[in-house]
C-alpha atoms as a PDB file:
ATOM      1  CA  MET A   1     100.742  61.309  89.435  1.00  0.00           C
ATOM      2  CA  PRO A   2     101.636  64.623  89.144  1.00  0.00           C
ATOM      3  CA  ARG A   3     104.745  66.374  90.493  1.00  0.00           C
ATOM      4  CA  ASP A   4     104.461  69.054  93.142  1.00  0.00           C
ATOM      5  CA  ARG A   5     105.061  72.528  92.309  1.00  0.00           C
ATOM      6  CA  PHE A   6     108.962  73.674  92.301  1.00  0.00           C
ATOM      7  CA  HIS A   7     107.891  77.283  94.419  1.00  0.00           C
ATOM      8  CA  LYS A   8     104.922  76.451  96.814  1.00  0.00           C
ATOM      9  CA  ASP A   9     102.755  79.302  96.682  1.00  0.00           C
ATOM     10  CA  ASP A  10     103.614  81.537  99.426  1.00  0.00           C
ATOM     11  CA  GLY A  11     100.763  83.874  99.272  1.00  0.00           C
ATOM     12  CA  ARG A  12     103.293  86.907  98.276  1.00  0.00           C
ATOM     13  CA  PRO A  13     102.800  88.877  95.366  1.00  0.00           C
ATOM     14  CA  ARG A  14     104.502  88.050  92.010  1.00  0.00           C
ATOM     15  CA  TYR A  15     104.764  88.918  88.329  1.00  0.00           C
ATOM     16  CA  GLN A  16     105.982  87.353  85.978  1.00  0.00           C
ATOM     17  CA  GLY A  17     106.077  88.660  82.043  1.00  0.00           C
ATOM     18  CA  PRO A  18     106.629  90.714  79.627  1.00  0.00           C
ATOM     19  CA  ALA A  19     109.336  94.084  81.055  1.00  0.00           C
ATOM     20  CA  ILE A  20     110.907  96.705  79.563  1.00  0.00           C
ATOM     21  CA  VAL A  21     115.160  97.363  81.123  1.00  0.00           C
ATOM     22  CA  VAL A  22     116.449 101.155  81.072  1.00  0.00           C
ATOM     23  CA  PHE A  23     120.159 102.114  80.973  1.00  0.00           C
ATOM     24  CA  PRO A  24     121.409 104.163  83.325  1.00  0.00           C
ATOM     25  CA  ASP A  25     122.505 105.599  79.097  1.00  0.00           C
ATOM     26  CA  GLY A  26     118.557 105.190  78.290  1.00  0.00           C
ATOM     27  CA  ARG A  27     119.414 102.159  75.871  1.00  0.00           C
ATOM     28  CA  GLU A  28     115.852 100.470  76.536  1.00  0.00           C
ATOM     29  CA  VAL A  29     115.636  96.312  75.972  1.00  0.00           C
ATOM     30  CA  ALA A  30     112.887  94.019  76.285  1.00  0.00           C
ATOM     31  CA  VAL A  31     113.196  91.037  78.606  1.00  0.00           C
ATOM     32  CA  HIS A  32     111.096  87.865  80.638  1.00  0.00           C
ATOM     33  CA  ALA A  33     110.547  89.161  84.216  1.00  0.00           C
ATOM     34  CA  SER A  34     109.988  86.914  86.701  1.00  0.00           C
ATOM     35  CA  LEU A  35     109.490  88.606  90.259  1.00  0.00           C
ATOM     36  CA  VAL A  36     108.015  88.500  93.010  1.00  0.00           C
ATOM     37  CA  LEU A  37     107.528  90.689  96.382  1.00  0.00           C
ATOM     38  CA  ARG A  38     110.039  89.498  99.126  1.00  0.00           C
ATOM     39  CA  LEU A  39     108.612  91.492 102.050  1.00  0.00           C
ATOM     40  CA  ASP A  40     106.184  93.978 103.357  1.00  0.00           C
ATOM     41  CA  PRO A  41     107.815  97.093 104.630  1.00  0.00           C
ATOM     42  CA  ALA A  42     105.519  97.534 107.195  1.00  0.00           C
ATOM     43  CA  THR A  43     105.988  93.908 108.812  1.00  0.00           C
ATOM     44  CA  VAL A  44     110.210  95.603 109.237  1.00  0.00           C
ATOM     45  CA  PRO A  45     111.255  97.266 112.214  1.00  0.00           C
ATOM     46  CA  ASP A  46     112.821 100.541 111.546  1.00  0.00           C
ATOM     47  CA  PHE A  47     112.422  99.667 107.269  1.00  0.00           C
ATOM     48  CA  SER A  48     114.304 101.147 104.886  1.00  0.00           C
ATOM     49  CA  TYR A  49     114.155 101.574 101.509  1.00  0.00           C
ATOM     50  CA  ASP A  50     118.277 102.145 101.790  1.00  0.00           C
ATOM     51  CA  ARG A  51     118.510  98.728 103.915  1.00  0.00           C
ATOM     52  CA  HIS A  52     115.932  96.320 102.548  1.00  0.00           C
ATOM     53  CA  SER A  53     115.095  94.532  99.708  1.00  0.00           C
ATOM     54  CA  MET A  54     111.595  94.469  99.262  1.00  0.00           C
ATOM     55  CA  TRP A  55     111.697  93.313  95.728  1.00  0.00           C
ATOM     56  CA  ALA A  56     114.413  90.126  93.240  1.00  0.00           C
ATOM     57  CA  GLY A  57     113.578  88.650  91.105  1.00  0.00           C
ATOM     58  CA  SER A  58     115.082  88.045  87.180  1.00  0.00           C
ATOM     59  CA  VAL A  59     115.281  89.114  84.184  1.00  0.00           C
ATOM     60  CA  THR A  60     116.057  87.818  81.066  1.00  0.00           C
ATOM     61  CA  LEU A  61     116.391  89.574  77.056  1.00  0.00           C
ATOM     62  CA  VAL A  62     114.097  88.116  74.661  1.00  0.00           C
ATOM     63  CA  GLY A  63     115.776  89.087  71.281  1.00  0.00           C
ATOM     64  CA  ASP A  64     118.768  89.354  70.149  1.00  0.00           C
ATOM     65  CA  ASP A  65     119.958  92.443  71.626  1.00  0.00           C
ATOM     66  CA  ASP A  66     123.978  92.643  71.853  1.00  0.00           C
ATOM     67  CA  VAL A  67     123.504  94.472  75.900  1.00  0.00           C
ATOM     68  CA  ASP A  68     124.973  93.239  79.100  1.00  0.00           C
ATOM     69  CA  LEU A  69     122.300  93.404  81.338  1.00  0.00           C
ATOM     70  CA  PHE A  70     124.584  93.582  83.773  1.00  0.00           C
ATOM     71  CA  ASP A  71     124.929  97.124  82.230  1.00  0.00           C
ATOM     72  CA  ALA A  72     121.856  97.952  84.266  1.00  0.00           C
ATOM     73  CA  ALA A  73     123.799  98.775  87.532  1.00  0.00           C
ATOM     74  CA  PRO A  74     121.421 100.373  88.751  1.00  0.00           C
ATOM     75  CA  GLY A  75     118.872 100.137  85.522  1.00  0.00           C
ATOM     76  CA  ILE A  76     114.857 100.855  85.564  1.00  0.00           C
ATOM     77  CA  LEU A  77     112.118  97.745  84.618  1.00  0.00           C
ATOM     78  CA  ARG A  78     109.259  99.508  82.804  1.00  0.00           C
ATOM     79  CA  LEU A  79     105.896  97.023  82.821  1.00  0.00           C
ATOM     80  CA  PRO A  80     103.251  96.806  80.632  1.00  0.00           C
ATOM     81  CA  ASP A  81     101.284  98.735  82.635  1.00  0.00           C
ATOM     82  CA  GLY A  82     104.089 101.556  82.804  1.00  0.00           C
ATOM     83  CA  ARG A  83     104.909 101.116  86.463  1.00  0.00           C
ATOM     84  CA  GLU A  84     108.398 101.507  87.247  1.00  0.00           C
ATOM     85  CA  GLY A  85     111.371  99.641  89.553  1.00  0.00           C
ATOM     86  CA  GLU A  86     114.616 100.297  89.946  1.00  0.00           C
ATOM     87  CA  PHE A  87     116.709  97.668  90.270  1.00  0.00           C
ATOM     88  CA  MET A  88     120.067  96.249  90.430  1.00  0.00           C
ATOM     89  CA  ALA A  89     121.065  94.030  88.263  1.00  0.00           C
ATOM     90  CA  THR A  90     123.219  90.760  90.213  1.00  0.00           C
ATOM     91  CA  SER A  91     124.402  89.107  88.115  1.00  0.00           C
ATOM     92  CA  GLY A  92     124.790  86.838  84.069  1.00  0.00           C
ATOM     93  CA  THR A  93     125.136  88.793  80.978  1.00  0.00           C
ATOM     94  CA  ARG A  94     121.664  87.073  78.556  1.00  0.00           C
ATOM     95  CA  GLU A  95     119.798  86.165  81.704  1.00  0.00           C
ATOM     96  CA  SER A  96     120.044  88.452  85.408  1.00  0.00           C
ATOM     97  CA  GLY A  97     119.589  87.934  89.014  1.00  0.00           C
ATOM     98  CA  CYS A  98     117.763  91.662  89.701  1.00  0.00           C
ATOM     99  CA  SER A  99     117.471  93.142  93.502  1.00  0.00           C
ATOM    100  CA  GLY A 100     115.006  95.747  94.158  1.00  0.00           C
ATOM    101  CA  ILE A 101     115.847  99.318  94.938  1.00  0.00           C
ATOM    102  CA  GLY A 102     112.559 101.116  96.672  1.00  0.00           C
ATOM    103  CA  PRO A 103     109.075 100.129  95.772  1.00  0.00           C
ATOM    104  CA  ALA A 104     107.840  97.367  93.619  1.00  0.00           C
ATOM    105  CA  PRO A 105     106.910  97.738  90.277  1.00  0.00           C
ATOM    106  CA  PHE A 106     103.493  94.884  91.279  1.00  0.00           C
ATOM    107  CA  GLY A 107     101.953  94.353  93.833  1.00  0.00           C
END
């Protein structure tokens, strides 16, 4: 009997795939990103990018780069199509949670 998916489809835009993390000092590393749009700004009274995180997820290093993703605070996440979004790394060294700052680079 097939198992139910761990995460049911909730209709929120998601991105899973390759990306580049750009550190504040300009270094760039390849990552795999797993991101979700947390909320639609139009649905939040008095929405402010300064107070609300609109997108979040995780980033995982794909190479053997000697970096700590937590140092990307804040960092830029660049998707293969060139769209970028600023984020804060929230944990980890090789795999980190991330919380978007400002508009999402996907969706």
